Amino acid sequence: MKVMKGKQSLEFEHPPYLKGWSSVVGEKEGEGPLGQAFDQIIDDPLFGQETWELAEGRFMRQAALLAIQKAEITKNQVRYAFAGDLLEQIMATSFGIKDLEIPLFGLYGACSTAGESISLAAMTVAAGYADYALALASSHIGSAEKQFRFPLEYGSQRPLSSTWTVTGAGGFVISKEKSPIKVRGITTGKIVDYGVKDSMNMGACMAPAAAEVIYQHFNDFAMTPDDYDAIYTGDLGEVGKEILIKLLKDNGYDISKVHGDCGIEVYQDETQDTHAGGSGCACSAVVLSSMITRKMISGGWNRVLFVPTGALLSKTSFNEGETVPGIAHGVLLEREEV
């Protein structure tokens, strides 16, 4: 079996598995439609810390410990951690898990980080470089707004195209030990830039990248939308969802019957005033580790394409008038009887 598939994908000869996973979220997320599915809901948005940034790190640390606990291993058995967040120098990651003393590959894929971290952890385990690898991603409404837009205290108005950054973190232990969910393969995305400059419309910025990687995944694996029970993007929201479906239809693939978006699932806009949906590194991570995994284990879904999406901007690039490129990474998950 050839591991490399097509132009951008890998299909593992000996697929690794999701051994343990966790979702730790804030109060607003706990009040949403998936509230009962999350592992832990933290009512204090500061999580006992003095700043939003340190609070976000605490969310990541808790997600890491829970994932390790649910995998029934110790932190000393984790060979590598692949982790990232939205902040400068990924400080939530650095400050959050420094005391775990796990060798770290720090990542920045914006809101696509969950897909990037799971991909790299799966590659590492499949290649025999680790028995257990940890994939983590976090975000926080307070830290993200302060860095990219306006501090919450400013009380700025948000356009209807905007999304609400998920406060929380998701963690995944990847192992060769069999479990109900295996990582059959991955499709690594390219940077795609359609020239969008509106940082308050993340869906429009990221949808072209999601379309590119999904299109390439279908070609690399010689499959169509009918081969999937669900295709879940990370945080395109209502606006980006429409763009994605149109772009793929224009290129011969109709995913409308199987497509879902983590950003749409995590909040109820009518009652929570989140506009286009949820966003942030934690958005796709906590939806995967709650709703998607549950549906796969119950037998409702047997094959899922998980596609976290990211907008590659910084406050510097935005203030200099640059466009907002997007990126997305595909992770092919399949249910297996154990």
C-alpha atoms as a PDB file:
ATOM      1  CA  MET A   1       0.000   0.000   0.000  1.00  0.00           C
ATOM      2  CA  LYS A   2       1.352   3.415  -0.934  1.00  0.00           C
ATOM      3  CA  VAL A   3       0.941   5.868   1.938  1.00  0.00           C
ATOM      4  CA  MET A   4       1.106   8.985  -0.249  1.00  0.00           C
ATOM      5  CA  LYS A   5      -2.181   9.582  -2.068  1.00  0.00           C
ATOM      6  CA  GLY A   6      -2.507  12.018  -4.927  1.00  0.00           C
ATOM      7  CA  LYS A   7      -1.057  15.505  -4.509  1.00  0.00           C
ATOM      8  CA  GLN A   8      -1.746  16.411  -0.880  1.00  0.00           C
ATOM      9  CA  SER A   9      -2.911  13.359   1.055  1.00  0.00           C
ATOM     10  CA  LEU A  10      -1.703  10.401   3.094  1.00  0.00           C
ATOM     11  CA  GLU A  11      -3.555   7.141   3.680  1.00  0.00           C
ATOM     12  CA  PHE A  12      -1.903   5.337   6.571  1.00  0.00           C
ATOM     13  CA  GLU A  13      -0.947   1.706   6.032  1.00  0.00           C
ATOM     14  CA  HIS A  14      -1.332   1.128   9.770  1.00  0.00           C
ATOM     15  CA  PRO A  15      -3.802   3.824  10.846  1.00  0.00           C
ATOM     16  CA  PRO A  16      -3.461   5.367  14.299  1.00  0.00           C
ATOM     17  CA  TYR A  17      -6.495   5.849  16.541  1.00  0.00           C
ATOM     18  CA  LEU A  18      -8.068   8.481  18.739  1.00  0.00           C
ATOM     19  CA  LYS A  19      -7.318   6.887  22.093  1.00  0.00           C
ATOM     20  CA  GLY A  20      -8.722   9.632  24.329  1.00  0.00           C
ATOM     21  CA  TRP A  21     -10.280  13.027  23.767  1.00  0.00           C
ATOM     22  CA  SER A  22     -11.579  15.922  25.834  1.00  0.00           C
ATOM     23  CA  SER A  23     -13.573  19.139  25.617  1.00  0.00           C
ATOM     24  CA  VAL A  24     -13.317  21.928  28.195  1.00  0.00           C
ATOM     25  CA  VAL A  25     -15.432  25.031  27.525  1.00  0.00           C
ATOM     26  CA  GLY A  26     -16.682  28.246  29.072  1.00  0.00           C
ATOM     27  CA  GLU A  27     -20.107  29.123  30.407  1.00  0.00           C
ATOM     28  CA  LYS A  28     -21.525  30.492  27.129  1.00  0.00           C
ATOM     29  CA  GLU A  29     -20.530  27.336  25.266  1.00  0.00           C
ATOM     30  CA  GLY A  30     -22.057  25.223  28.015  1.00  0.00           C
ATOM     31  CA  GLU A  31     -25.356  27.064  27.529  1.00  0.00           C
ATOM     32  CA  GLY A  32     -25.389  26.199  23.814  1.00  0.00           C
ATOM     33  CA  PRO A  33     -26.884  23.191  21.997  1.00  0.00           C
ATOM     34  CA  LEU A  34     -23.928  20.912  22.821  1.00  0.00           C
ATOM     35  CA  GLY A  35     -23.761  21.750  26.514  1.00  0.00           C
ATOM     36  CA  GLN A  36     -24.549  18.232  27.707  1.00  0.00           C
ATOM     37  CA  ALA A  37     -21.854  16.703  25.489  1.00  0.00           C
ATOM     38  CA  PHE A  38     -18.841  18.628  26.809  1.00  0.00           C
ATOM     39  CA  ASP A  39     -16.560  17.019  29.392  1.00  0.00           C
ATOM     40  CA  GLN A  40     -16.215  20.093  31.574  1.00  0.00           C
ATOM     41  CA  ILE A  41     -17.822  23.537  31.690  1.00  0.00           C
ATOM     42  CA  ILE A  42     -15.904  26.290  33.490  1.00  0.00           C
ATOM     43  CA  ASP A  43     -18.224  29.023  34.774  1.00  0.00           C
ATOM     44  CA  ASP A  44     -15.365  31.436  35.564  1.00  0.00           C
ATOM     45  CA  PRO A  45     -14.097  32.894  32.241  1.00  0.00           C
ATOM     46  CA  LEU A  46     -10.779  33.748  33.929  1.00  0.00           C
ATOM     47  CA  PHE A  47     -10.462  30.172  35.256  1.00  0.00           C
ATOM     48  CA  GLY A  48      -8.911  31.555  38.449  1.00  0.00           C
ATOM     49  CA  GLN A  49      -6.218  33.514  36.581  1.00  0.00           C
ATOM     50  CA  GLU A  50      -5.506  37.250  36.358  1.00  0.00           C
ATOM     51  CA  THR A  51      -5.564  37.638  32.558  1.00  0.00           C
ATOM     52  CA  TRP A  52      -7.490  36.246  29.596  1.00  0.00           C
ATOM     53  CA  GLU A  53      -4.282  34.811  28.133  1.00  0.00           C
ATOM     54  CA  LEU A  54      -3.384  32.856  31.257  1.00  0.00           C
ATOM     55  CA  ALA A  55      -6.993  31.700  31.501  1.00  0.00           C
ATOM     56  CA  GLU A  56      -6.813  30.292  27.984  1.00  0.00           C
ATOM     57  CA  GLY A  57      -3.650  28.421  28.915  1.00  0.00           C
ATOM     58  CA  ARG A  58      -5.488  26.942  31.882  1.00  0.00           C
ATOM     59  CA  PHE A  59      -8.241  25.681  29.554  1.00  0.00           C
ATOM     60  CA  MET A  60      -5.618  23.966  27.399  1.00  0.00           C
ATOM     61  CA  ARG A  61      -3.891  22.411  30.378  1.00  0.00           C
ATOM     62  CA  GLN A  62      -7.172  21.004  31.646  1.00  0.00           C
ATOM     63  CA  ALA A  63      -8.039  19.594  28.216  1.00  0.00           C
ATOM     64  CA  ALA A  64      -4.622  17.923  28.023  1.00  0.00           C
ATOM     65  CA  LEU A  65      -4.969  16.304  31.445  1.00  0.00           C
ATOM     66  CA  LEU A  66      -8.498  15.093  30.721  1.00  0.00           C
ATOM     67  CA  ALA A  67      -7.536  13.576  27.354  1.00  0.00           C
ATOM     68  CA  ILE A  68      -4.602  11.770  28.953  1.00  0.00           C
ATOM     69  CA  GLN A  69      -6.813  10.543  31.785  1.00  0.00           C
ATOM     70  CA  LYS A  70      -9.491   9.273  29.396  1.00  0.00           C
ATOM     71  CA  ALA A  71      -6.813   7.485  27.351  1.00  0.00           C
ATOM     72  CA  GLU A  72      -5.863   5.667  30.574  1.00  0.00           C
ATOM     73  CA  ILE A  73      -2.202   6.599  30.349  1.00  0.00           C
ATOM     74  CA  THR A  74       0.092   8.984  32.225  1.00  0.00           C
ATOM     75  CA  LYS A  75       1.594  12.202  30.920  1.00  0.00           C
ATOM     76  CA  ASN A  76       5.035  10.585  31.072  1.00  0.00           C
ATOM     77  CA  GLN A  77       3.913   8.138  28.359  1.00  0.00           C
ATOM     78  CA  VAL A  78       3.170  10.972  25.901  1.00  0.00           C
ATOM     79  CA  ARG A  79       6.177  11.254  23.599  1.00  0.00           C
ATOM     80  CA  TYR A  80       5.214  14.526  21.884  1.00  0.00           C
ATOM     81  CA  ALA A  81       2.583  17.237  22.095  1.00  0.00           C
ATOM     82  CA  PHE A  82       1.418  19.182  19.035  1.00  0.00           C
ATOM     83  CA  ALA A  83      -0.417  22.275  20.233  1.00  0.00           C
ATOM     84  CA  GLY A  84      -1.333  25.813  19.320  1.00  0.00           C
ATOM     85  CA  ASP A  85      -3.624  28.784  19.872  1.00  0.00           C
ATOM     86  CA  LEU A  86      -4.412  32.168  18.309  1.00  0.00           C
ATOM     87  CA  LEU A  87      -2.143  34.380  20.393  1.00  0.00           C
ATOM     88  CA  GLU A  88       1.231  35.938  19.625  1.00  0.00           C
ATOM     89  CA  GLN A  89       4.046  33.436  20.136  1.00  0.00           C
ATOM     90  CA  ILE A  90       1.285  30.913  21.008  1.00  0.00           C
ATOM     91  CA  MET A  91       1.569  32.068  24.603  1.00  0.00           C
ATOM     92  CA  ALA A  92      -1.531  30.237  25.828  1.00  0.00           C
ATOM     93  CA  THR A  93       0.132  26.986  24.810  1.00  0.00           C
ATOM     94  CA  SER A  94       3.497  27.878  26.313  1.00  0.00           C
ATOM     95  CA  PHE A  95       2.167  29.084  29.642  1.00  0.00           C
ATOM     96  CA  GLY A  96      -0.642  26.543  29.805  1.00  0.00           C
ATOM     97  CA  ILE A  97       1.224  23.262  29.437  1.00  0.00           C
ATOM     98  CA  LYS A  98       4.790  24.148  30.403  1.00  0.00           C
ATOM     99  CA  ASP A  99       4.533  22.288  33.712  1.00  0.00           C
ATOM    100  CA  LEU A 100       3.394  19.072  31.998  1.00  0.00           C
ATOM    101  CA  GLU A 101       6.966  18.656  30.740  1.00  0.00           C
ATOM    102  CA  ILE A 102       5.923  16.985  27.479  1.00  0.00           C
ATOM    103  CA  PRO A 103       8.186  17.582  24.440  1.00  0.00           C
ATOM    104  CA  LEU A 104       6.328  20.194  22.391  1.00  0.00           C
ATOM    105  CA  PHE A 105       5.900  21.136  18.758  1.00  0.00           C
ATOM    106  CA  GLY A 106       4.213  24.544  18.950  1.00  0.00           C
ATOM    107  CA  LEU A 107       1.846  25.231  16.036  1.00  0.00           C
ATOM    108  CA  TYR A 108       0.078  28.169  14.476  1.00  0.00           C
ATOM    109  CA  GLY A 109      -2.583  27.295  11.948  1.00  0.00           C
ATOM    110  CA  ALA A 110      -5.093  29.861  13.219  1.00  0.00           C
ATOM    111  CA  CYS A 111      -8.489  28.179  13.648  1.00  0.00           C
ATOM    112  CA  SER A 112      -7.312  25.178  11.604  1.00  0.00           C
ATOM    113  CA  THR A 113      -4.888  24.188  14.383  1.00  0.00           C
ATOM    114  CA  ALA A 114      -6.957  21.205  15.556  1.00  0.00           C
ATOM    115  CA  GLY A 115      -6.666  19.655  12.100  1.00  0.00           C
ATOM    116  CA  GLU A 116      -2.984  20.467  11.852  1.00  0.00           C
ATOM    117  CA  SER A 117      -2.169  19.082  15.293  1.00  0.00           C
ATOM    118  CA  ILE A 118      -4.140  15.849  14.785  1.00  0.00           C
ATOM    119  CA  SER A 119      -2.541  15.397  11.342  1.00  0.00           C
ATOM    120  CA  LEU A 120       0.990  15.757  12.678  1.00  0.00           C
ATOM    121  CA  ALA A 121       0.315  13.591  15.722  1.00  0.00           C
ATOM    122  CA  ALA A 122      -1.176  10.888  13.486  1.00  0.00           C
ATOM    123  CA  MET A 123       1.817  11.019  11.114  1.00  0.00           C
ATOM    124  CA  THR A 124       4.196  10.726  14.048  1.00  0.00           C
ATOM    125  CA  VAL A 125       2.446   7.718  15.569  1.00  0.00           C
ATOM    126  CA  ALA A 126       1.879   5.989  12.223  1.00  0.00           C
ATOM    127  CA  ALA A 127       5.571   6.341  11.403  1.00  0.00           C
ATOM    128  CA  GLY A 128       6.562   4.720  14.682  1.00  0.00           C
ATOM    129  CA  TYR A 129       8.121   7.823  16.222  1.00  0.00           C
ATOM    130  CA  ALA A 130       5.800   7.767  19.230  1.00  0.00           C
ATOM    131  CA  ASP A 131       3.498   5.366  21.021  1.00  0.00           C
ATOM    132  CA  TYR A 132       1.322   8.249  22.197  1.00  0.00           C
ATOM    133  CA  ALA A 133       1.101  11.791  20.847  1.00  0.00           C
ATOM    134  CA  LEU A 134      -1.085  14.605  22.125  1.00  0.00           C
ATOM    135  CA  ALA A 135      -2.910  17.098  19.888  1.00  0.00           C
ATOM    136  CA  LEU A 136      -4.275  20.297  21.470  1.00  0.00           C
ATOM    137  CA  ALA A 137      -5.939  23.545  20.421  1.00  0.00           C
ATOM    138  CA  SER A 138      -7.404  26.415  22.445  1.00  0.00           C
ATOM    139  CA  SER A 139      -9.004  29.854  22.098  1.00  0.00           C
ATOM    140  CA  HIS A 140     -10.708  32.434  24.314  1.00  0.00           C
ATOM    141  CA  ILE A 141     -13.131  35.248  23.472  1.00  0.00           C
ATOM    142  CA  GLY A 142     -11.348  37.660  25.835  1.00  0.00           C
ATOM    143  CA  SER A 143      -7.808  37.079  24.562  1.00  0.00           C
ATOM    144  CA  ALA A 144      -8.806  36.911  20.889  1.00  0.00           C
ATOM    145  CA  GLU A 145     -10.839  40.119  20.911  1.00  0.00           C
ATOM    146  CA  LYS A 146      -8.063  41.991  22.721  1.00  0.00           C
ATOM    147  CA  GLN A 147      -5.445  40.887  20.204  1.00  0.00           C
ATOM    148  CA  PHE A 148      -7.293  41.028  16.891  1.00  0.00           C
ATOM    149  CA  ARG A 149     -10.092  43.561  17.349  1.00  0.00           C
ATOM    150  CA  PHE A 150     -11.110  45.546  20.453  1.00  0.00           C
ATOM    151  CA  PRO A 151     -10.972  44.570  24.141  1.00  0.00           C
ATOM    152  CA  LEU A 152     -14.332  43.397  25.458  1.00  0.00           C
ATOM    153  CA  GLU A 153     -14.547  46.463  27.691  1.00  0.00           C
ATOM    154  CA  TYR A 154     -14.746  48.664  24.591  1.00  0.00           C
ATOM    155  CA  GLY A 155     -18.178  47.256  23.765  1.00  0.00           C
ATOM    156  CA  SER A 156     -17.866  47.610  19.980  1.00  0.00           C
ATOM    157  CA  GLN A 157     -20.718  46.573  17.704  1.00  0.00           C
ATOM    158  CA  ARG A 158     -20.310  43.403  15.690  1.00  0.00           C
ATOM    159  CA  PRO A 159     -21.580  43.001  12.092  1.00  0.00           C
ATOM    160  CA  LEU A 160     -23.885  40.092  11.286  1.00  0.00           C
ATOM    161  CA  SER A 161     -21.085  38.383   9.341  1.00  0.00           C
ATOM    162  CA  SER A 162     -18.898  38.172  12.459  1.00  0.00           C
ATOM    163  CA  THR A 163     -18.424  35.074  14.610  1.00  0.00           C
ATOM    164  CA  TRP A 164     -17.999  34.524  18.335  1.00  0.00           C
ATOM    165  CA  THR A 165     -14.675  33.060  19.474  1.00  0.00           C
ATOM    166  CA  VAL A 166     -15.175  29.850  21.425  1.00  0.00           C
ATOM    167  CA  THR A 167     -13.713  29.885  24.928  1.00  0.00           C
ATOM    168  CA  GLY A 168     -12.249  26.468  25.602  1.00  0.00           C
ATOM    169  CA  ALA A 169      -9.850  23.787  24.461  1.00  0.00           C
ATOM    170  CA  GLY A 170      -9.915  20.328  22.950  1.00  0.00           C
ATOM    171  CA  GLY A 171      -7.374  17.554  23.424  1.00  0.00           C
ATOM    172  CA  PHE A 172      -6.733  14.241  21.638  1.00  0.00           C
ATOM    173  CA  VAL A 173      -4.397  11.370  22.422  1.00  0.00           C
ATOM    174  CA  ILE A 174      -3.318   9.567  19.250  1.00  0.00           C
ATOM    175  CA  SER A 175      -2.099   5.971  19.556  1.00  0.00           C
ATOM    176  CA  LYS A 176      -1.692   2.726  17.621  1.00  0.00           C
ATOM    177  CA  GLU A 177      -3.894   1.012  20.206  1.00  0.00           C
ATOM    178  CA  LYS A 178      -7.259   0.205  18.680  1.00  0.00           C
ATOM    179  CA  SER A 179     -10.254   2.318  19.605  1.00  0.00           C
ATOM    180  CA  PRO A 180     -13.641   2.966  17.969  1.00  0.00           C
ATOM    181  CA  ILE A 181     -12.265   5.849  15.852  1.00  0.00           C
ATOM    182  CA  LYS A 182      -9.255   5.581  13.549  1.00  0.00           C
ATOM    183  CA  VAL A 183      -7.463   8.231  11.537  1.00  0.00           C
ATOM    184  CA  ARG A 184      -7.498   6.635   8.103  1.00  0.00           C
ATOM    185  CA  GLY A 185      -5.740   9.529   6.402  1.00  0.00           C
ATOM    186  CA  ILE A 186      -5.158  13.251   6.088  1.00  0.00           C
ATOM    187  CA  THR A 187      -5.231  15.914   3.390  1.00  0.00           C
ATOM    188  CA  THR A 188      -3.003  18.908   4.046  1.00  0.00           C
ATOM    189  CA  GLY A 189      -4.313  22.229   2.808  1.00  0.00           C
ATOM    190  CA  LYS A 190      -2.678  25.056   0.897  1.00  0.00           C
ATOM    191  CA  ILE A 191      -2.802  28.770   1.635  1.00  0.00           C
ATOM    192  CA  VAL A 192      -5.627  30.222  -0.473  1.00  0.00           C
ATOM    193  CA  ASP A 193      -6.115  33.982  -0.849  1.00  0.00           C
ATOM    194  CA  TYR A 194      -9.149  35.391  -2.665  1.00  0.00           C
ATOM    195  CA  GLY A 195      -8.265  38.965  -1.732  1.00  0.00           C
ATOM    196  CA  VAL A 196     -10.829  39.394   1.071  1.00  0.00           C
ATOM    197  CA  LYS A 197      -9.817  42.114   3.548  1.00  0.00           C
ATOM    198  CA  ASP A 198     -12.789  42.094   5.914  1.00  0.00           C
ATOM    199  CA  SER A 199     -11.491  40.594   9.162  1.00  0.00           C
ATOM    200  CA  MET A 200     -15.038  40.587  10.533  1.00  0.00           C
ATOM    201  CA  ASN A 201     -16.115  38.129   7.845  1.00  0.00           C
ATOM    202  CA  MET A 202     -13.983  35.080   8.582  1.00  0.00           C
ATOM    203  CA  GLY A 203     -16.322  32.780   6.676  1.00  0.00           C
ATOM    204  CA  ALA A 204     -15.612  34.531   3.382  1.00  0.00           C
ATOM    205  CA  CYS A 205     -11.869  34.483   4.071  1.00  0.00           C
ATOM    206  CA  MET A 206     -11.698  30.756   4.876  1.00  0.00           C
ATOM    207  CA  ALA A 207     -14.306  29.163   2.588  1.00  0.00           C
ATOM    208  CA  PRO A 208     -12.047  29.088  -0.519  1.00  0.00           C
ATOM    209  CA  ALA A 209      -9.344  27.221   1.432  1.00  0.00           C
ATOM    210  CA  ALA A 210     -11.905  24.720   2.701  1.00  0.00           C
ATOM    211  CA  ALA A 211     -13.188  24.204  -0.847  1.00  0.00           C
ATOM    212  CA  GLU A 212      -9.643  23.643  -2.137  1.00  0.00           C
ATOM    213  CA  VAL A 213      -8.705  20.984   0.414  1.00  0.00           C
ATOM    214  CA  ILE A 214     -12.055  19.141   0.197  1.00  0.00           C
ATOM    215  CA  TYR A 215     -11.865  19.118  -3.613  1.00  0.00           C
ATOM    216  CA  GLN A 216      -8.308  17.772  -3.462  1.00  0.00           C
ATOM    217  CA  HIS A 217      -9.291  15.174  -0.867  1.00  0.00           C
ATOM    218  CA  PHE A 218     -12.010  13.804  -3.136  1.00  0.00           C
ATOM    219  CA  ASN A 219      -9.527  13.546  -5.992  1.00  0.00           C
ATOM    220  CA  ASP A 220      -6.694  12.057  -3.943  1.00  0.00           C
ATOM    221  CA  PHE A 221      -8.896   9.368  -2.368  1.00  0.00           C
ATOM    222  CA  ALA A 222     -11.058   8.838  -5.475  1.00  0.00           C
ATOM    223  CA  MET A 223     -14.240   9.416  -3.448  1.00  0.00           C
ATOM    224  CA  THR A 224     -17.316  11.612  -3.667  1.00  0.00           C
ATOM    225  CA  PRO A 225     -19.600  13.268  -1.096  1.00  0.00           C
ATOM    226  CA  ASP A 226     -21.795  10.141  -1.172  1.00  0.00           C
ATOM    227  CA  ASP A 227     -18.962   8.191   0.463  1.00  0.00           C
ATOM    228  CA  TYR A 228     -19.242  10.223   3.687  1.00  0.00           C
ATOM    229  CA  ASP A 229     -21.768  10.324   6.473  1.00  0.00           C
ATOM    230  CA  ALA A 230     -20.652  13.846   7.337  1.00  0.00           C
ATOM    231  CA  ILE A 231     -18.175  16.499   6.216  1.00  0.00           C
ATOM    232  CA  TYR A 232     -17.570  19.033   8.961  1.00  0.00           C
ATOM    233  CA  THR A 233     -15.729  22.302   8.445  1.00  0.00           C
ATOM    234  CA  GLY A 234     -14.291  24.178  11.389  1.00  0.00           C
ATOM    235  CA  ASP A 235     -15.807  27.621  11.702  1.00  0.00           C
ATOM    236  CA  LEU A 236     -17.094  28.987   8.425  1.00  0.00           C
ATOM    237  CA  GLY A 237     -20.396  29.986  10.000  1.00  0.00           C
ATOM    238  CA  GLU A 238     -23.552  30.700   8.040  1.00  0.00           C
ATOM    239  CA  VAL A 239     -21.821  33.019   5.561  1.00  0.00           C
ATOM    240  CA  GLY A 240     -18.879  30.760   4.783  1.00  0.00           C
ATOM    241  CA  LYS A 241     -21.076  27.665   4.520  1.00  0.00           C
ATOM    242  CA  GLU A 242     -22.981  29.137   1.571  1.00  0.00           C
ATOM    243  CA  ILE A 243     -19.764  30.155  -0.178  1.00  0.00           C
ATOM    244  CA  LEU A 244     -18.186  26.728   0.331  1.00  0.00           C
ATOM    245  CA  ILE A 245     -21.150  24.818  -1.058  1.00  0.00           C
ATOM    246  CA  LYS A 246     -21.298  27.078  -4.121  1.00  0.00           C
ATOM    247  CA  LEU A 247     -17.558  26.819  -4.818  1.00  0.00           C
ATOM    248  CA  LEU A 248     -17.644  23.020  -4.699  1.00  0.00           C
ATOM    249  CA  LYS A 249     -20.821  22.821  -6.786  1.00  0.00           C
ATOM    250  CA  ASP A 250     -19.074  24.943  -9.412  1.00  0.00           C
ATOM    251  CA  ASN A 251     -16.309  22.322  -9.430  1.00  0.00           C
ATOM    252  CA  GLY A 252     -18.560  19.278  -9.701  1.00  0.00           C
ATOM    253  CA  TYR A 253     -19.179  18.266  -6.073  1.00  0.00           C
ATOM    254  CA  ASP A 254     -22.393  18.822  -4.115  1.00  0.00           C
ATOM    255  CA  ILE A 255     -21.726  18.407  -0.375  1.00  0.00           C
ATOM    256  CA  SER A 256     -24.924  20.123   0.777  1.00  0.00           C
ATOM    257  CA  LYS A 257     -26.543  16.885   2.055  1.00  0.00           C
ATOM    258  CA  VAL A 258     -23.602  15.899   4.271  1.00  0.00           C
ATOM    259  CA  HIS A 259     -22.005  19.206   5.192  1.00  0.00           C
ATOM    260  CA  GLY A 260     -22.032  20.643   8.684  1.00  0.00           C
ATOM    261  CA  ASP A 261     -20.030  23.375  10.335  1.00  0.00           C
ATOM    262  CA  CYS A 262     -18.707  23.290  13.893  1.00  0.00           C
ATOM    263  CA  GLY A 263     -19.229  27.032  14.228  1.00  0.00           C
ATOM    264  CA  ILE A 264     -22.923  26.645  13.493  1.00  0.00           C
ATOM    265  CA  GLU A 265     -23.329  23.711  15.892  1.00  0.00           C
ATOM    266  CA  VAL A 266     -21.730  25.223  18.986  1.00  0.00           C
ATOM    267  CA  TYR A 267     -24.106  28.173  19.568  1.00  0.00           C
ATOM    268  CA  GLN A 268     -27.793  29.015  19.140  1.00  0.00           C
ATOM    269  CA  ASP A 269     -27.733  32.450  17.527  1.00  0.00           C
ATOM    270  CA  GLU A 270     -31.379  33.290  18.221  1.00  0.00           C
ATOM    271  CA  THR A 271     -30.852  33.070  21.969  1.00  0.00           C
ATOM    272  CA  GLN A 272     -27.096  33.645  22.334  1.00  0.00           C
ATOM    273  CA  ASP A 273     -26.545  36.527  19.857  1.00  0.00           C
ATOM    274  CA  THR A 274     -23.517  34.982  18.172  1.00  0.00           C
ATOM    275  CA  HIS A 275     -24.405  36.127  14.640  1.00  0.00           C
ATOM    276  CA  ALA A 276     -22.754  33.915  11.978  1.00  0.00           C
ATOM    277  CA  GLY A 277     -21.645  31.264  14.487  1.00  0.00           C
ATOM    278  CA  GLY A 278     -18.603  30.242  16.492  1.00  0.00           C
ATOM    279  CA  SER A 279     -14.916  30.483  15.648  1.00  0.00           C
ATOM    280  CA  GLY A 280     -11.481  30.078  17.211  1.00  0.00           C
ATOM    281  CA  CYS A 281      -9.061  27.156  17.509  1.00  0.00           C
ATOM    282  CA  ALA A 282     -11.265  25.573  20.166  1.00  0.00           C
ATOM    283  CA  CYS A 283     -14.391  25.660  17.994  1.00  0.00           C
ATOM    284  CA  SER A 284     -13.662  22.631  15.804  1.00  0.00           C
ATOM    285  CA  ALA A 285     -11.674  20.904  18.567  1.00  0.00           C
ATOM    286  CA  VAL A 286     -14.502  20.851  21.122  1.00  0.00           C
ATOM    287  CA  VAL A 287     -17.181  19.939  18.561  1.00  0.00           C
ATOM    288  CA  LEU A 288     -15.076  16.999  17.353  1.00  0.00           C
ATOM    289  CA  SER A 289     -14.397  15.820  20.902  1.00  0.00           C
ATOM    290  CA  SER A 290     -18.059  16.046  21.896  1.00  0.00           C
ATOM    291  CA  MET A 291     -20.702  15.766  19.172  1.00  0.00           C
ATOM    292  CA  ILE A 292     -18.802  14.163  16.284  1.00  0.00           C
ATOM    293  CA  THR A 293     -17.073  11.460  18.329  1.00  0.00           C
ATOM    294  CA  ARG A 294     -20.348  10.575  20.057  1.00  0.00           C
ATOM    295  CA  LYS A 295     -22.165  10.145  16.761  1.00  0.00           C
ATOM    296  CA  MET A 296     -19.381   7.949  15.435  1.00  0.00           C
ATOM    297  CA  ILE A 297     -19.196   5.737  18.515  1.00  0.00           C
ATOM    298  CA  SER A 298     -22.986   5.311  18.571  1.00  0.00           C
ATOM    299  CA  GLY A 299     -22.840   3.975  15.013  1.00  0.00           C
ATOM    300  CA  GLY A 300     -24.705   6.892  13.504  1.00  0.00           C
ATOM    301  CA  TRP A 301     -21.697   7.928  11.429  1.00  0.00           C
ATOM    302  CA  ASN A 302     -19.060   5.581  10.047  1.00  0.00           C
ATOM    303  CA  ARG A 303     -16.947   7.963   7.960  1.00  0.00           C
ATOM    304  CA  VAL A 304     -16.374  11.667   8.649  1.00  0.00           C
ATOM    305  CA  LEU A 305     -14.150  14.202   6.936  1.00  0.00           C
ATOM    306  CA  PHE A 306     -13.115  16.751   9.581  1.00  0.00           C
ATOM    307  CA  VAL A 307     -11.888  20.022   8.050  1.00  0.00           C
ATOM    308  CA  PRO A 308     -10.861  22.764  10.527  1.00  0.00           C
ATOM    309  CA  THR A 309     -10.471  26.145   8.829  1.00  0.00           C
ATOM    310  CA  GLY A 310      -8.177  29.070   9.637  1.00  0.00           C
ATOM    311  CA  ALA A 311      -7.751  32.736   8.688  1.00  0.00           C
ATOM    312  CA  LEU A 312      -4.060  33.624   8.527  1.00  0.00           C
ATOM    313  CA  LEU A 313      -4.049  37.238   9.678  1.00  0.00           C
ATOM    314  CA  SER A 314      -2.287  39.109  12.444  1.00  0.00           C
ATOM    315  CA  LYS A 315      -2.963  42.544  13.895  1.00  0.00           C
ATOM    316  CA  THR A 316       0.115  43.734  11.997  1.00  0.00           C
ATOM    317  CA  SER A 317      -1.048  42.422   8.619  1.00  0.00           C
ATOM    318  CA  PHE A 318      -4.539  43.823   9.206  1.00  0.00           C
ATOM    319  CA  ASN A 319      -3.270  47.277  10.171  1.00  0.00           C
ATOM    320  CA  GLU A 320      -1.048  47.302   7.086  1.00  0.00           C
ATOM    321  CA  GLY A 321      -4.072  46.667   4.862  1.00  0.00           C
ATOM    322  CA  GLU A 322      -3.159  43.153   3.767  1.00  0.00           C
ATOM    323  CA  THR A 323      -5.656  40.524   2.658  1.00  0.00           C
ATOM    324  CA  VAL A 324      -6.724  37.633   4.881  1.00  0.00           C
ATOM    325  CA  PRO A 325      -5.525  34.306   3.409  1.00  0.00           C
ATOM    326  CA  GLY A 326      -7.141  31.075   4.540  1.00  0.00           C
ATOM    327  CA  ILE A 327      -6.030  27.505   5.146  1.00  0.00           C
ATOM    328  CA  ALA A 328      -7.806  24.238   5.987  1.00  0.00           C
ATOM    329  CA  HIS A 329      -6.689  20.717   6.846  1.00  0.00           C
ATOM    330  CA  GLY A 330      -8.655  17.517   6.283  1.00  0.00           C
ATOM    331  CA  VAL A 331      -8.637  14.545   8.662  1.00  0.00           C
ATOM    332  CA  LEU A 332     -10.398  11.369   7.491  1.00  0.00           C
ATOM    333  CA  LEU A 333     -11.965   9.566  10.461  1.00  0.00           C
ATOM    334  CA  GLU A 334     -13.600   6.143  10.330  1.00  0.00           C
ATOM    335  CA  ARG A 335     -15.485   4.083  12.883  1.00  0.00           C
ATOM    336  CA  GLU A 336     -14.091   0.666  13.688  1.00  0.00           C
ATOM    337  CA  GLU A 337     -15.490  -2.193  15.726  1.00  0.00           C
ATOM    338  CA  VAL A 338     -13.285  -2.977  18.715  1.00  0.00           C
END
